[in-house]
């Protein structure tokens, strides 16, 4: 239902709570 839409934005983090990646 969302073909072609980007899935970026909110996430459930799989890293330790103090760091995360931001894909630019």
PDBML (XML) file of the C-alpha atoms, coordinates in Angstrom:
<?xml version="1.0" encoding="UTF-8" ?>
<PDBx:datablock datablockName="MODEL"
   xmlns:PDBx="http://pdbml.pdb.org/schema/pdbx-v50.xsd"
   xmlns:xsi="http://www.w3.org/2001/XMLSchema-instance"
   xsi:schemaLocation="http://pdbml.pdb.org/schema/pdbx-v50.xsd pdbx-v50.xsd">
   <PDBx:atom_siteCategory>
      <PDBx:atom_site id="1">
         <PDBx:B_iso_or_equiv>0.00</PDBx:B_iso_or_equiv>
         <PDBx:Cartn_x>0.000</PDBx:Cartn_x>
         <PDBx:Cartn_y>0.000</PDBx:Cartn_y>
         <PDBx:Cartn_z>0.000</PDBx:Cartn_z>
         <PDBx:auth_asym_id>A</PDBx:auth_asym_id>
         <PDBx:auth_atom_id>CA</PDBx:auth_atom_id>
         <PDBx:auth_comp_id>UNK</PDBx:auth_comp_id>
         <PDBx:auth_seq_id>1</PDBx:auth_seq_id>
         <PDBx:group_PDB>ATOM</PDBx:group_PDB>
         <PDBx:label_alt_id xsi:nil="true" />
         <PDBx:label_asym_id>A</PDBx:label_asym_id>
         <PDBx:label_atom_id>CA</PDBx:label_atom_id>
         <PDBx:label_comp_id>UNK</PDBx:label_comp_id>
         <PDBx:label_entity_id>1</PDBx:label_entity_id>
         <PDBx:label_seq_id>1</PDBx:label_seq_id>
         <PDBx:occupancy>1.00</PDBx:occupancy>
         <PDBx:pdbx_PDB_model_num>1</PDBx:pdbx_PDB_model_num>
         <PDBx:type_symbol>C</PDBx:type_symbol>
      </PDBx:atom_site>
      <PDBx:atom_site id="2">
         <PDBx:B_iso_or_equiv>0.00</PDBx:B_iso_or_equiv>
         <PDBx:Cartn_x>3.038</PDBx:Cartn_x>
         <PDBx:Cartn_y>2.267</PDBx:Cartn_y>
         <PDBx:Cartn_z>0.276</PDBx:Cartn_z>
         <PDBx:auth_asym_id>A</PDBx:auth_asym_id>
         <PDBx:auth_atom_id>CA</PDBx:auth_atom_id>
         <PDBx:auth_comp_id>UNK</PDBx:auth_comp_id>
         <PDBx:auth_seq_id>2</PDBx:auth_seq_id>
         <PDBx:group_PDB>ATOM</PDBx:group_PDB>
         <PDBx:label_alt_id xsi:nil="true" />
         <PDBx:label_asym_id>A</PDBx:label_asym_id>
         <PDBx:label_atom_id>CA</PDBx:label_atom_id>
         <PDBx:label_comp_id>UNK</PDBx:label_comp_id>
         <PDBx:label_entity_id>1</PDBx:label_entity_id>
         <PDBx:label_seq_id>2</PDBx:label_seq_id>
         <PDBx:occupancy>1.00</PDBx:occupancy>
         <PDBx:pdbx_PDB_model_num>1</PDBx:pdbx_PDB_model_num>
         <PDBx:type_symbol>C</PDBx:type_symbol>
      </PDBx:atom_site>
      <PDBx:atom_site id="3">
         <PDBx:B_iso_or_equiv>0.00</PDBx:B_iso_or_equiv>
         <PDBx:Cartn_x>5.050</PDBx:Cartn_x>
         <PDBx:Cartn_y>1.291</PDBx:Cartn_y>
         <PDBx:Cartn_z>-2.806</PDBx:Cartn_z>
         <PDBx:auth_asym_id>A</PDBx:auth_asym_id>
         <PDBx:auth_atom_id>CA</PDBx:auth_atom_id>
         <PDBx:auth_comp_id>UNK</PDBx:auth_comp_id>
         <PDBx:auth_seq_id>3</PDBx:auth_seq_id>
         <PDBx:group_PDB>ATOM</PDBx:group_PDB>
         <PDBx:label_alt_id xsi:nil="true" />
         <PDBx:label_asym_id>A</PDBx:label_asym_id>
         <PDBx:label_atom_id>CA</PDBx:label_atom_id>
         <PDBx:label_comp_id>UNK</PDBx:label_comp_id>
         <PDBx:label_entity_id>1</PDBx:label_entity_id>
         <PDBx:label_seq_id>3</PDBx:label_seq_id>
         <PDBx:occupancy>1.00</PDBx:occupancy>
         <PDBx:pdbx_PDB_model_num>1</PDBx:pdbx_PDB_model_num>
         <PDBx:type_symbol>C</PDBx:type_symbol>
      </PDBx:atom_site>
      <PDBx:atom_site id="4">
         <PDBx:B_iso_or_equiv>0.00</PDBx:B_iso_or_equiv>
         <PDBx:Cartn_x>8.034</PDBx:Cartn_x>
         <PDBx:Cartn_y>3.556</PDBx:Cartn_y>
         <PDBx:Cartn_z>-3.345</PDBx:Cartn_z>
         <PDBx:auth_asym_id>A</PDBx:auth_asym_id>
         <PDBx:auth_atom_id>CA</PDBx:auth_atom_id>
         <PDBx:auth_comp_id>UNK</PDBx:auth_comp_id>
         <PDBx:auth_seq_id>4</PDBx:auth_seq_id>
         <PDBx:group_PDB>ATOM</PDBx:group_PDB>
         <PDBx:label_alt_id xsi:nil="true" />
         <PDBx:label_asym_id>A</PDBx:label_asym_id>
         <PDBx:label_atom_id>CA</PDBx:label_atom_id>
         <PDBx:label_comp_id>UNK</PDBx:label_comp_id>
         <PDBx:label_entity_id>1</PDBx:label_entity_id>
         <PDBx:label_seq_id>4</PDBx:label_seq_id>
         <PDBx:occupancy>1.00</PDBx:occupancy>
         <PDBx:pdbx_PDB_model_num>1</PDBx:pdbx_PDB_model_num>
         <PDBx:type_symbol>C</PDBx:type_symbol>
      </PDBx:atom_site>
      <PDBx:atom_site id="5">
         <PDBx:B_iso_or_equiv>0.00</PDBx:B_iso_or_equiv>
         <PDBx:Cartn_x>7.675</PDBx:Cartn_x>
         <PDBx:Cartn_y>5.336</PDBx:Cartn_y>
         <PDBx:Cartn_z>-0.006</PDBx:Cartn_z>
         <PDBx:auth_asym_id>A</PDBx:auth_asym_id>
         <PDBx:auth_atom_id>CA</PDBx:auth_atom_id>
         <PDBx:auth_comp_id>UNK</PDBx:auth_comp_id>
         <PDBx:auth_seq_id>5</PDBx:auth_seq_id>
         <PDBx:group_PDB>ATOM</PDBx:group_PDB>
         <PDBx:label_alt_id xsi:nil="true" />
         <PDBx:label_asym_id>A</PDBx:label_asym_id>
         <PDBx:label_atom_id>CA</PDBx:label_atom_id>
         <PDBx:label_comp_id>UNK</PDBx:label_comp_id>
         <PDBx:label_entity_id>1</PDBx:label_entity_id>
         <PDBx:label_seq_id>5</PDBx:label_seq_id>
         <PDBx:occupancy>1.00</PDBx:occupancy>
         <PDBx:pdbx_PDB_model_num>1</PDBx:pdbx_PDB_model_num>
         <PDBx:type_symbol>C</PDBx:type_symbol>
      </PDBx:atom_site>
      <PDBx:atom_site id="6">
         <PDBx:B_iso_or_equiv>0.00</PDBx:B_iso_or_equiv>
         <PDBx:Cartn_x>10.818</PDBx:Cartn_x>
         <PDBx:Cartn_y>5.642</PDBx:Cartn_y>
         <PDBx:Cartn_z>2.085</PDBx:Cartn_z>
         <PDBx:auth_asym_id>A</PDBx:auth_asym_id>
         <PDBx:auth_atom_id>CA</PDBx:auth_atom_id>
         <PDBx:auth_comp_id>UNK</PDBx:auth_comp_id>
         <PDBx:auth_seq_id>6</PDBx:auth_seq_id>
         <PDBx:group_PDB>ATOM</PDBx:group_PDB>
         <PDBx:label_alt_id xsi:nil="true" />
         <PDBx:label_asym_id>A</PDBx:label_asym_id>
         <PDBx:label_atom_id>CA</PDBx:label_atom_id>
         <PDBx:label_comp_id>UNK</PDBx:label_comp_id>
         <PDBx:label_entity_id>1</PDBx:label_entity_id>
         <PDBx:label_seq_id>6</PDBx:label_seq_id>
         <PDBx:occupancy>1.00</PDBx:occupancy>
         <PDBx:pdbx_PDB_model_num>1</PDBx:pdbx_PDB_model_num>
         <PDBx:type_symbol>C</PDBx:type_symbol>
      </PDBx:atom_site>
      <PDBx:atom_site id="7">
         <PDBx:B_iso_or_equiv>0.00</PDBx:B_iso_or_equiv>
         <PDBx:Cartn_x>10.729</PDBx:Cartn_x>
         <PDBx:Cartn_y>3.840</PDBx:Cartn_y>
         <PDBx:Cartn_z>5.421</PDBx:Cartn_z>
         <PDBx:auth_asym_id>A</PDBx:auth_asym_id>
         <PDBx:auth_atom_id>CA</PDBx:auth_atom_id>
         <PDBx:auth_comp_id>UNK</PDBx:auth_comp_id>
         <PDBx:auth_seq_id>7</PDBx:auth_seq_id>
         <PDBx:group_PDB>ATOM</PDBx:group_PDB>
         <PDBx:label_alt_id xsi:nil="true" />
         <PDBx:label_asym_id>A</PDBx:label_asym_id>
         <PDBx:label_atom_id>CA</PDBx:label_atom_id>
         <PDBx:label_comp_id>UNK</PDBx:label_comp_id>
         <PDBx:label_entity_id>1</PDBx:label_entity_id>
         <PDBx:label_seq_id>7</PDBx:label_seq_id>
         <PDBx:occupancy>1.00</PDBx:occupancy>
         <PDBx:pdbx_PDB_model_num>1</PDBx:pdbx_PDB_model_num>
         <PDBx:type_symbol>C</PDBx:type_symbol>
      </PDBx:atom_site>
      <PDBx:atom_site id="8">
         <PDBx:B_iso_or_equiv>0.00</PDBx:B_iso_or_equiv>
         <PDBx:Cartn_x>13.020</PDBx:Cartn_x>
         <PDBx:Cartn_y>6.286</PDBx:Cartn_y>
         <PDBx:Cartn_z>7.210</PDBx:Cartn_z>
         <PDBx:auth_asym_id>A</PDBx:auth_asym_id>
         <PDBx:auth_atom_id>CA</PDBx:auth_atom_id>
         <PDBx:auth_comp_id>UNK</PDBx:auth_comp_id>
         <PDBx:auth_seq_id>8</PDBx:auth_seq_id>
         <PDBx:group_PDB>ATOM</PDBx:group_PDB>
         <PDBx:label_alt_id xsi:nil="true" />
         <PDBx:label_asym_id>A</PDBx:label_asym_id>
         <PDBx:label_atom_id>CA</PDBx:label_atom_id>
         <PDBx:label_comp_id>UNK</PDBx:label_comp_id>
         <PDBx:label_entity_id>1</PDBx:label_entity_id>
         <PDBx:label_seq_id>8</PDBx:label_seq_id>
         <PDBx:occupancy>1.00</PDBx:occupancy>
         <PDBx:pdbx_PDB_model_num>1</PDBx:pdbx_PDB_model_num>
         <PDBx:type_symbol>C</PDBx:type_symbol>
      </PDBx:atom_site>
      <PDBx:atom_site id="9">
         <PDBx:B_iso_or_equiv>0.00</PDBx:B_iso_or_equiv>
         <PDBx:Cartn_x>12.100</PDBx:Cartn_x>
         <PDBx:Cartn_y>8.031</PDBx:Cartn_y>
         <PDBx:Cartn_z>10.412</PDBx:Cartn_z>
         <PDBx:auth_asym_id>A</PDBx:auth_asym_id>
         <PDBx:auth_atom_id>CA</PDBx:auth_atom_id>
         <PDBx:auth_comp_id>UNK</PDBx:auth_comp_id>
         <PDBx:auth_seq_id>9</PDBx:auth_seq_id>
         <PDBx:group_PDB>ATOM</PDBx:group_PDB>
         <PDBx:label_alt_id xsi:nil="true" />
         <PDBx:label_asym_id>A</PDBx:label_asym_id>
         <PDBx:label_atom_id>CA</PDBx:label_atom_id>
         <PDBx:label_comp_id>UNK</PDBx:label_comp_id>
         <PDBx:label_entity_id>1</PDBx:label_entity_id>
         <PDBx:label_seq_id>9</PDBx:label_seq_id>
         <PDBx:occupancy>1.00</PDBx:occupancy>
         <PDBx:pdbx_PDB_model_num>1</PDBx:pdbx_PDB_model_num>
         <PDBx:type_symbol>C</PDBx:type_symbol>
      </PDBx:atom_site>
      <PDBx:atom_site id="10">
         <PDBx:B_iso_or_equiv>0.00</PDBx:B_iso_or_equiv>
         <PDBx:Cartn_x>11.185</PDBx:Cartn_x>
         <PDBx:Cartn_y>6.405</PDBx:Cartn_y>
         <PDBx:Cartn_z>13.674</PDBx:Cartn_z>
         <PDBx:auth_asym_id>A</PDBx:auth_asym_id>
         <PDBx:auth_atom_id>CA</PDBx:auth_atom_id>
         <PDBx:auth_comp_id>UNK</PDBx:auth_comp_id>
         <PDBx:auth_seq_id>10</PDBx:auth_seq_id>
         <PDBx:group_PDB>ATOM</PDBx:group_PDB>
         <PDBx:label_alt_id xsi:nil="true" />
         <PDBx:label_asym_id>A</PDBx:label_asym_id>
         <PDBx:label_atom_id>CA</PDBx:label_atom_id>
         <PDBx:label_comp_id>UNK</PDBx:label_comp_id>
         <PDBx:label_entity_id>1</PDBx:label_entity_id>
         <PDBx:label_seq_id>10</PDBx:label_seq_id>
         <PDBx:occupancy>1.00</PDBx:occupancy>
         <PDBx:pdbx_PDB_model_num>1</PDBx:pdbx_PDB_model_num>
         <PDBx:type_symbol>C</PDBx:type_symbol>
      </PDBx:atom_site>
      <PDBx:atom_site id="11">
         <PDBx:B_iso_or_equiv>0.00</PDBx:B_iso_or_equiv>
         <PDBx:Cartn_x>12.969</PDBx:Cartn_x>
         <PDBx:Cartn_y>3.221</PDBx:Cartn_y>
         <PDBx:Cartn_z>14.646</PDBx:Cartn_z>
         <PDBx:auth_asym_id>A</PDBx:auth_asym_id>
         <PDBx:auth_atom_id>CA</PDBx:auth_atom_id>
         <PDBx:auth_comp_id>UNK</PDBx:auth_comp_id>
         <PDBx:auth_seq_id>11</PDBx:auth_seq_id>
         <PDBx:group_PDB>ATOM</PDBx:group_PDB>
         <PDBx:label_alt_id xsi:nil="true" />
         <PDBx:label_asym_id>A</PDBx:label_asym_id>
         <PDBx:label_atom_id>CA</PDBx:label_atom_id>
         <PDBx:label_comp_id>UNK</PDBx:label_comp_id>
         <PDBx:label_entity_id>1</PDBx:label_entity_id>
         <PDBx:label_seq_id>11</PDBx:label_seq_id>
         <PDBx:occupancy>1.00</PDBx:occupancy>
         <PDBx:pdbx_PDB_model_num>1</PDBx:pdbx_PDB_model_num>
         <PDBx:type_symbol>C</PDBx:type_symbol>
      </PDBx:atom_site>
      <PDBx:atom_site id="12">
         <PDBx:B_iso_or_equiv>0.00</PDBx:B_iso_or_equiv>
         <PDBx:Cartn_x>13.293</PDBx:Cartn_x>
         <PDBx:Cartn_y>0.602</PDBx:Cartn_y>
         <PDBx:Cartn_z>17.329</PDBx:Cartn_z>
         <PDBx:auth_asym_id>A</PDBx:auth_asym_id>
         <PDBx:auth_atom_id>CA</PDBx:auth_atom_id>
         <PDBx:auth_comp_id>UNK</PDBx:auth_comp_id>
         <PDBx:auth_seq_id>12</PDBx:auth_seq_id>
         <PDBx:group_PDB>ATOM</PDBx:group_PDB>
         <PDBx:label_alt_id xsi:nil="true" />
         <PDBx:label_asym_id>A</PDBx:label_asym_id>
         <PDBx:label_atom_id>CA</PDBx:label_atom_id>
         <PDBx:label_comp_id>UNK</PDBx:label_comp_id>
         <PDBx:label_entity_id>1</PDBx:label_entity_id>
         <PDBx:label_seq_id>12</PDBx:label_seq_id>
         <PDBx:occupancy>1.00</PDBx:occupancy>
         <PDBx:pdbx_PDB_model_num>1</PDBx:pdbx_PDB_model_num>
         <PDBx:type_symbol>C</PDBx:type_symbol>
      </PDBx:atom_site>
      <PDBx:atom_site id="13">
         <PDBx:B_iso_or_equiv>0.00</PDBx:B_iso_or_equiv>
         <PDBx:Cartn_x>16.961</PDBx:Cartn_x>
         <PDBx:Cartn_y>0.792</PDBx:Cartn_y>
         <PDBx:Cartn_z>18.259</PDBx:Cartn_z>
         <PDBx:auth_asym_id>A</PDBx:auth_asym_id>
         <PDBx:auth_atom_id>CA</PDBx:auth_atom_id>
         <PDBx:auth_comp_id>UNK</PDBx:auth_comp_id>
         <PDBx:auth_seq_id>13</PDBx:auth_seq_id>
         <PDBx:group_PDB>ATOM</PDBx:group_PDB>
         <PDBx:label_alt_id xsi:nil="true" />
         <PDBx:label_asym_id>A</PDBx:label_asym_id>
         <PDBx:label_atom_id>CA</PDBx:label_atom_id>
         <PDBx:label_comp_id>UNK</PDBx:label_comp_id>
         <PDBx:label_entity_id>1</PDBx:label_entity_id>
         <PDBx:label_seq_id>13</PDBx:label_seq_id>
         <PDBx:occupancy>1.00</PDBx:occupancy>
         <PDBx:pdbx_PDB_model_num>1</PDBx:pdbx_PDB_model_num>
         <PDBx:type_symbol>C</PDBx:type_symbol>
      </PDBx:atom_site>
      <PDBx:atom_site id="14">
         <PDBx:B_iso_or_equiv>0.00</PDBx:B_iso_or_equiv>
         <PDBx:Cartn_x>19.041</PDBx:Cartn_x>
         <PDBx:Cartn_y>-2.375</PDBx:Cartn_y>
         <PDBx:Cartn_z>18.206</PDBx:Cartn_z>
         <PDBx:auth_asym_id>A</PDBx:auth_asym_id>
         <PDBx:auth_atom_id>CA</PDBx:auth_atom_id>
         <PDBx:auth_comp_id>UNK</PDBx:auth_comp_id>
         <PDBx:auth_seq_id>14</PDBx:auth_seq_id>
         <PDBx:group_PDB>ATOM</PDBx:group_PDB>
         <PDBx:label_alt_id xsi:nil="true" />
         <PDBx:label_asym_id>A</PDBx:label_asym_id>
         <PDBx:label_atom_id>CA</PDBx:label_atom_id>
         <PDBx:label_comp_id>UNK</PDBx:label_comp_id>
         <PDBx:label_entity_id>1</PDBx:label_entity_id>
         <PDBx:label_seq_id>14</PDBx:label_seq_id>
         <PDBx:occupancy>1.00</PDBx:occupancy>
         <PDBx:pdbx_PDB_model_num>1</PDBx:pdbx_PDB_model_num>
         <PDBx:type_symbol>C</PDBx:type_symbol>
      </PDBx:atom_site>
      <PDBx:atom_site id="15">
         <PDBx:B_iso_or_equiv>0.00</PDBx:B_iso_or_equiv>
         <PDBx:Cartn_x>22.187</PDBx:Cartn_x>
         <PDBx:Cartn_y>-0.640</PDBx:Cartn_y>
         <PDBx:Cartn_z>19.444</PDBx:Cartn_z>
         <PDBx:auth_asym_id>A</PDBx:auth_asym_id>
         <PDBx:auth_atom_id>CA</PDBx:auth_atom_id>
         <PDBx:auth_comp_id>UNK</PDBx:auth_comp_id>
         <PDBx:auth_seq_id>15</PDBx:auth_seq_id>
         <PDBx:group_PDB>ATOM</PDBx:group_PDB>
         <PDBx:label_alt_id xsi:nil="true" />
         <PDBx:label_asym_id>A</PDBx:label_asym_id>
         <PDBx:label_atom_id>CA</PDBx:label_atom_id>
         <PDBx:label_comp_id>UNK</PDBx:label_comp_id>
         <PDBx:label_entity_id>1</PDBx:label_entity_id>
         <PDBx:label_seq_id>15</PDBx:label_seq_id>
         <PDBx:occupancy>1.00</PDBx:occupancy>
         <PDBx:pdbx_PDB_model_num>1</PDBx:pdbx_PDB_model_num>
         <PDBx:type_symbol>C</PDBx:type_symbol>
      </PDBx:atom_site>
      <PDBx:atom_site id="16">
         <PDBx:B_iso_or_equiv>0.00</PDBx:B_iso_or_equiv>
         <PDBx:Cartn_x>23.007</PDBx:Cartn_x>
         <PDBx:Cartn_y>-0.036</PDBx:Cartn_y>
         <PDBx:Cartn_z>23.099</PDBx:Cartn_z>
         <PDBx:auth_asym_id>A</PDBx:auth_asym_id>
         <PDBx:auth_atom_id>CA</PDBx:auth_atom_id>
         <PDBx:auth_comp_id>UNK</PDBx:auth_comp_id>
         <PDBx:auth_seq_id>16</PDBx:auth_seq_id>
         <PDBx:group_PDB>ATOM</PDBx:group_PDB>
         <PDBx:label_alt_id xsi:nil="true" />
         <PDBx:label_asym_id>A</PDBx:label_asym_id>
         <PDBx:label_atom_id>CA</PDBx:label_atom_id>
         <PDBx:label_comp_id>UNK</PDBx:label_comp_id>
         <PDBx:label_entity_id>1</PDBx:label_entity_id>
         <PDBx:label_seq_id>16</PDBx:label_seq_id>
         <PDBx:occupancy>1.00</PDBx:occupancy>
         <PDBx:pdbx_PDB_model_num>1</PDBx:pdbx_PDB_model_num>
         <PDBx:type_symbol>C</PDBx:type_symbol>
      </PDBx:atom_site>
      <PDBx:atom_site id="17">
         <PDBx:B_iso_or_equiv>0.00</PDBx:B_iso_or_equiv>
         <PDBx:Cartn_x>20.837</PDBx:Cartn_x>
         <PDBx:Cartn_y>2.837</PDBx:Cartn_y>
         <PDBx:Cartn_z>24.368</PDBx:Cartn_z>
         <PDBx:auth_asym_id>A</PDBx:auth_asym_id>
         <PDBx:auth_atom_id>CA</PDBx:auth_atom_id>
         <PDBx:auth_comp_id>UNK</PDBx:auth_comp_id>
         <PDBx:auth_seq_id>17</PDBx:auth_seq_id>
         <PDBx:group_PDB>ATOM</PDBx:group_PDB>
         <PDBx:label_alt_id xsi:nil="true" />
         <PDBx:label_asym_id>A</PDBx:label_asym_id>
         <PDBx:label_atom_id>CA</PDBx:label_atom_id>
         <PDBx:label_comp_id>UNK</PDBx:label_comp_id>
         <PDBx:label_entity_id>1</PDBx:label_entity_id>
         <PDBx:label_seq_id>17</PDBx:label_seq_id>
         <PDBx:occupancy>1.00</PDBx:occupancy>
         <PDBx:pdbx_PDB_model_num>1</PDBx:pdbx_PDB_model_num>
         <PDBx:type_symbol>C</PDBx:type_symbol>
      </PDBx:atom_site>
      <PDBx:atom_site id="18">
         <PDBx:B_iso_or_equiv>0.00</PDBx:B_iso_or_equiv>
         <PDBx:Cartn_x>23.548</PDBx:Cartn_x>
         <PDBx:Cartn_y>5.513</PDBx:Cartn_y>
         <PDBx:Cartn_z>24.291</PDBx:Cartn_z>
         <PDBx:auth_asym_id>A</PDBx:auth_asym_id>
         <PDBx:auth_atom_id>CA</PDBx:auth_atom_id>
         <PDBx:auth_comp_id>UNK</PDBx:auth_comp_id>
         <PDBx:auth_seq_id>18</PDBx:auth_seq_id>
         <PDBx:group_PDB>ATOM</PDBx:group_PDB>
         <PDBx:label_alt_id xsi:nil="true" />
         <PDBx:label_asym_id>A</PDBx:label_asym_id>
         <PDBx:label_atom_id>CA</PDBx:label_atom_id>
         <PDBx:label_comp_id>UNK</PDBx:label_comp_id>
         <PDBx:label_entity_id>1</PDBx:label_entity_id>
         <PDBx:label_seq_id>18</PDBx:label_seq_id>
         <PDBx:occupancy>1.00</PDBx:occupancy>
         <PDBx:pdbx_PDB_model_num>1</PDBx:pdbx_PDB_model_num>
         <PDBx:type_symbol>C</PDBx:type_symbol>
      </PDBx:atom_site>
      <PDBx:atom_site id="19">
         <PDBx:B_iso_or_equiv>0.00</PDBx:B_iso_or_equiv>
         <PDBx:Cartn_x>24.456</PDBx:Cartn_x>
         <PDBx:Cartn_y>5.514</PDBx:Cartn_y>
         <PDBx:Cartn_z>20.590</PDBx:Cartn_z>
         <PDBx:auth_asym_id>A</PDBx:auth_asym_id>
         <PDBx:auth_atom_id>CA</PDBx:auth_atom_id>
         <PDBx:auth_comp_id>UNK</PDBx:auth_comp_id>
         <PDBx:auth_seq_id>19</PDBx:auth_seq_id>
         <PDBx:group_PDB>ATOM</PDBx:group_PDB>
         <PDBx:label_alt_id xsi:nil="true" />
         <PDBx:label_asym_id>A</PDBx:label_asym_id>
         <PDBx:label_atom_id>CA</PDBx:label_atom_id>
         <PDBx:label_comp_id>UNK</PDBx:label_comp_id>
         <PDBx:label_entity_id>1</PDBx:label_entity_id>
         <PDBx:label_seq_id>19</PDBx:label_seq_id>
         <PDBx:occupancy>1.00</PDBx:occupancy>
         <PDBx:pdbx_PDB_model_num>1</PDBx:pdbx_PDB_model_num>
         <PDBx:type_symbol>C</PDBx:type_symbol>
      </PDBx:atom_site>
      <PDBx:atom_site id="20">
         <PDBx:B_iso_or_equiv>0.00</PDBx:B_iso_or_equiv>
         <PDBx:Cartn_x>22.665</PDBx:Cartn_x>
         <PDBx:Cartn_y>5.256</PDBx:Cartn_y>
         <PDBx:Cartn_z>17.271</PDBx:Cartn_z>
         <PDBx:auth_asym_id>A</PDBx:auth_asym_id>
         <PDBx:auth_atom_id>CA</PDBx:auth_atom_id>
         <PDBx:auth_comp_id>UNK</PDBx:auth_comp_id>
         <PDBx:auth_seq_id>20</PDBx:auth_seq_id>
         <PDBx:group_PDB>ATOM</PDBx:group_PDB>
         <PDBx:label_alt_id xsi:nil="true" />
         <PDBx:label_asym_id>A</PDBx:label_asym_id>
         <PDBx:label_atom_id>CA</PDBx:label_atom_id>
         <PDBx:label_comp_id>UNK</PDBx:label_comp_id>
         <PDBx:label_entity_id>1</PDBx:label_entity_id>
         <PDBx:label_seq_id>20</PDBx:label_seq_id>
         <PDBx:occupancy>1.00</PDBx:occupancy>
         <PDBx:pdbx_PDB_model_num>1</PDBx:pdbx_PDB_model_num>
         <PDBx:type_symbol>C</PDBx:type_symbol>
      </PDBx:atom_site>
      <PDBx:atom_site id="21">
         <PDBx:B_iso_or_equiv>0.00</PDBx:B_iso_or_equiv>
         <PDBx:Cartn_x>23.309</PDBx:Cartn_x>
         <PDBx:Cartn_y>5.660</PDBx:Cartn_y>
         <PDBx:Cartn_z>13.557</PDBx:Cartn_z>
         <PDBx:auth_asym_id>A</PDBx:auth_asym_id>
         <PDBx:auth_atom_id>CA</PDBx:auth_atom_id>
         <PDBx:auth_comp_id>UNK</PDBx:auth_comp_id>
         <PDBx:auth_seq_id>21</PDBx:auth_seq_id>
         <PDBx:group_PDB>ATOM</PDBx:group_PDB>
         <PDBx:label_alt_id xsi:nil="true" />
         <PDBx:label_asym_id>A</PDBx:label_asym_id>
         <PDBx:label_atom_id>CA</PDBx:label_atom_id>
         <PDBx:label_comp_id>UNK</PDBx:label_comp_id>
         <PDBx:label_entity_id>1</PDBx:label_entity_id>
         <PDBx:label_seq_id>21</PDBx:label_seq_id>
         <PDBx:occupancy>1.00</PDBx:occupancy>
         <PDBx:pdbx_PDB_model_num>1</PDBx:pdbx_PDB_model_num>
         <PDBx:type_symbol>C</PDBx:type_symbol>
      </PDBx:atom_site>
      <PDBx:atom_site id="22">
         <PDBx:B_iso_or_equiv>0.00</PDBx:B_iso_or_equiv>
         <PDBx:Cartn_x>21.741</PDBx:Cartn_x>
         <PDBx:Cartn_y>8.364</PDBx:Cartn_y>
         <PDBx:Cartn_z>11.408</PDBx:Cartn_z>
         <PDBx:auth_asym_id>A</PDBx:auth_asym_id>
         <PDBx:auth_atom_id>CA</PDBx:auth_atom_id>
         <PDBx:auth_comp_id>UNK</PDBx:auth_comp_id>
         <PDBx:auth_seq_id>22</PDBx:auth_seq_id>
         <PDBx:group_PDB>ATOM</PDBx:group_PDB>
         <PDBx:label_alt_id xsi:nil="true" />
         <PDBx:label_asym_id>A</PDBx:label_asym_id>
         <PDBx:label_atom_id>CA</PDBx:label_atom_id>
         <PDBx:label_comp_id>UNK</PDBx:label_comp_id>
         <PDBx:label_entity_id>1</PDBx:label_entity_id>
         <PDBx:label_seq_id>22</PDBx:label_seq_id>
         <PDBx:occupancy>1.00</PDBx:occupancy>
         <PDBx:pdbx_PDB_model_num>1</PDBx:pdbx_PDB_model_num>
         <PDBx:type_symbol>C</PDBx:type_symbol>
      </PDBx:atom_site>
      <PDBx:atom_site id="23">
         <PDBx:B_iso_or_equiv>0.00</PDBx:B_iso_or_equiv>
         <PDBx:Cartn_x>21.726</PDBx:Cartn_x>
         <PDBx:Cartn_y>7.385</PDBx:Cartn_y>
         <PDBx:Cartn_z>7.736</PDBx:Cartn_z>
         <PDBx:auth_asym_id>A</PDBx:auth_asym_id>
         <PDBx:auth_atom_id>CA</PDBx:auth_atom_id>
         <PDBx:auth_comp_id>UNK</PDBx:auth_comp_id>
         <PDBx:auth_seq_id>23</PDBx:auth_seq_id>
         <PDBx:group_PDB>ATOM</PDBx:group_PDB>
         <PDBx:label_alt_id xsi:nil="true" />
         <PDBx:label_asym_id>A</PDBx:label_asym_id>
         <PDBx:label_atom_id>CA</PDBx:label_atom_id>
         <PDBx:label_comp_id>UNK</PDBx:label_comp_id>
         <PDBx:label_entity_id>1</PDBx:label_entity_id>
         <PDBx:label_seq_id>23</PDBx:label_seq_id>
         <PDBx:occupancy>1.00</PDBx:occupancy>
         <PDBx:pdbx_PDB_model_num>1</PDBx:pdbx_PDB_model_num>
         <PDBx:type_symbol>C</PDBx:type_symbol>
      </PDBx:atom_site>
      <PDBx:atom_site id="24">
         <PDBx:B_iso_or_equiv>0.00</PDBx:B_iso_or_equiv>
         <PDBx:Cartn_x>21.901</PDBx:Cartn_x>
         <PDBx:Cartn_y>10.662</PDBx:Cartn_y>
         <PDBx:Cartn_z>5.839</PDBx:Cartn_z>
         <PDBx:auth_asym_id>A</PDBx:auth_asym_id>
         <PDBx:auth_atom_id>CA</PDBx:auth_atom_id>
         <PDBx:auth_comp_id>UNK</PDBx:auth_comp_id>
         <PDBx:auth_seq_id>24</PDBx:auth_seq_id>
         <PDBx:group_PDB>ATOM</PDBx:group_PDB>
         <PDBx:label_alt_id xsi:nil="true" />
         <PDBx:label_asym_id>A</PDBx:label_asym_id>
         <PDBx:label_atom_id>CA</PDBx:label_atom_id>
         <PDBx:label_comp_id>UNK</PDBx:label_comp_id>
         <PDBx:label_entity_id>1</PDBx:label_entity_id>
         <PDBx:label_seq_id>24</PDBx:label_seq_id>
         <PDBx:occupancy>1.00</PDBx:occupancy>
         <PDBx:pdbx_PDB_model_num>1</PDBx:pdbx_PDB_model_num>
         <PDBx:type_symbol>C</PDBx:type_symbol>
      </PDBx:atom_site>
   </PDBx:atom_siteCategory>
</PDBx:datablock>
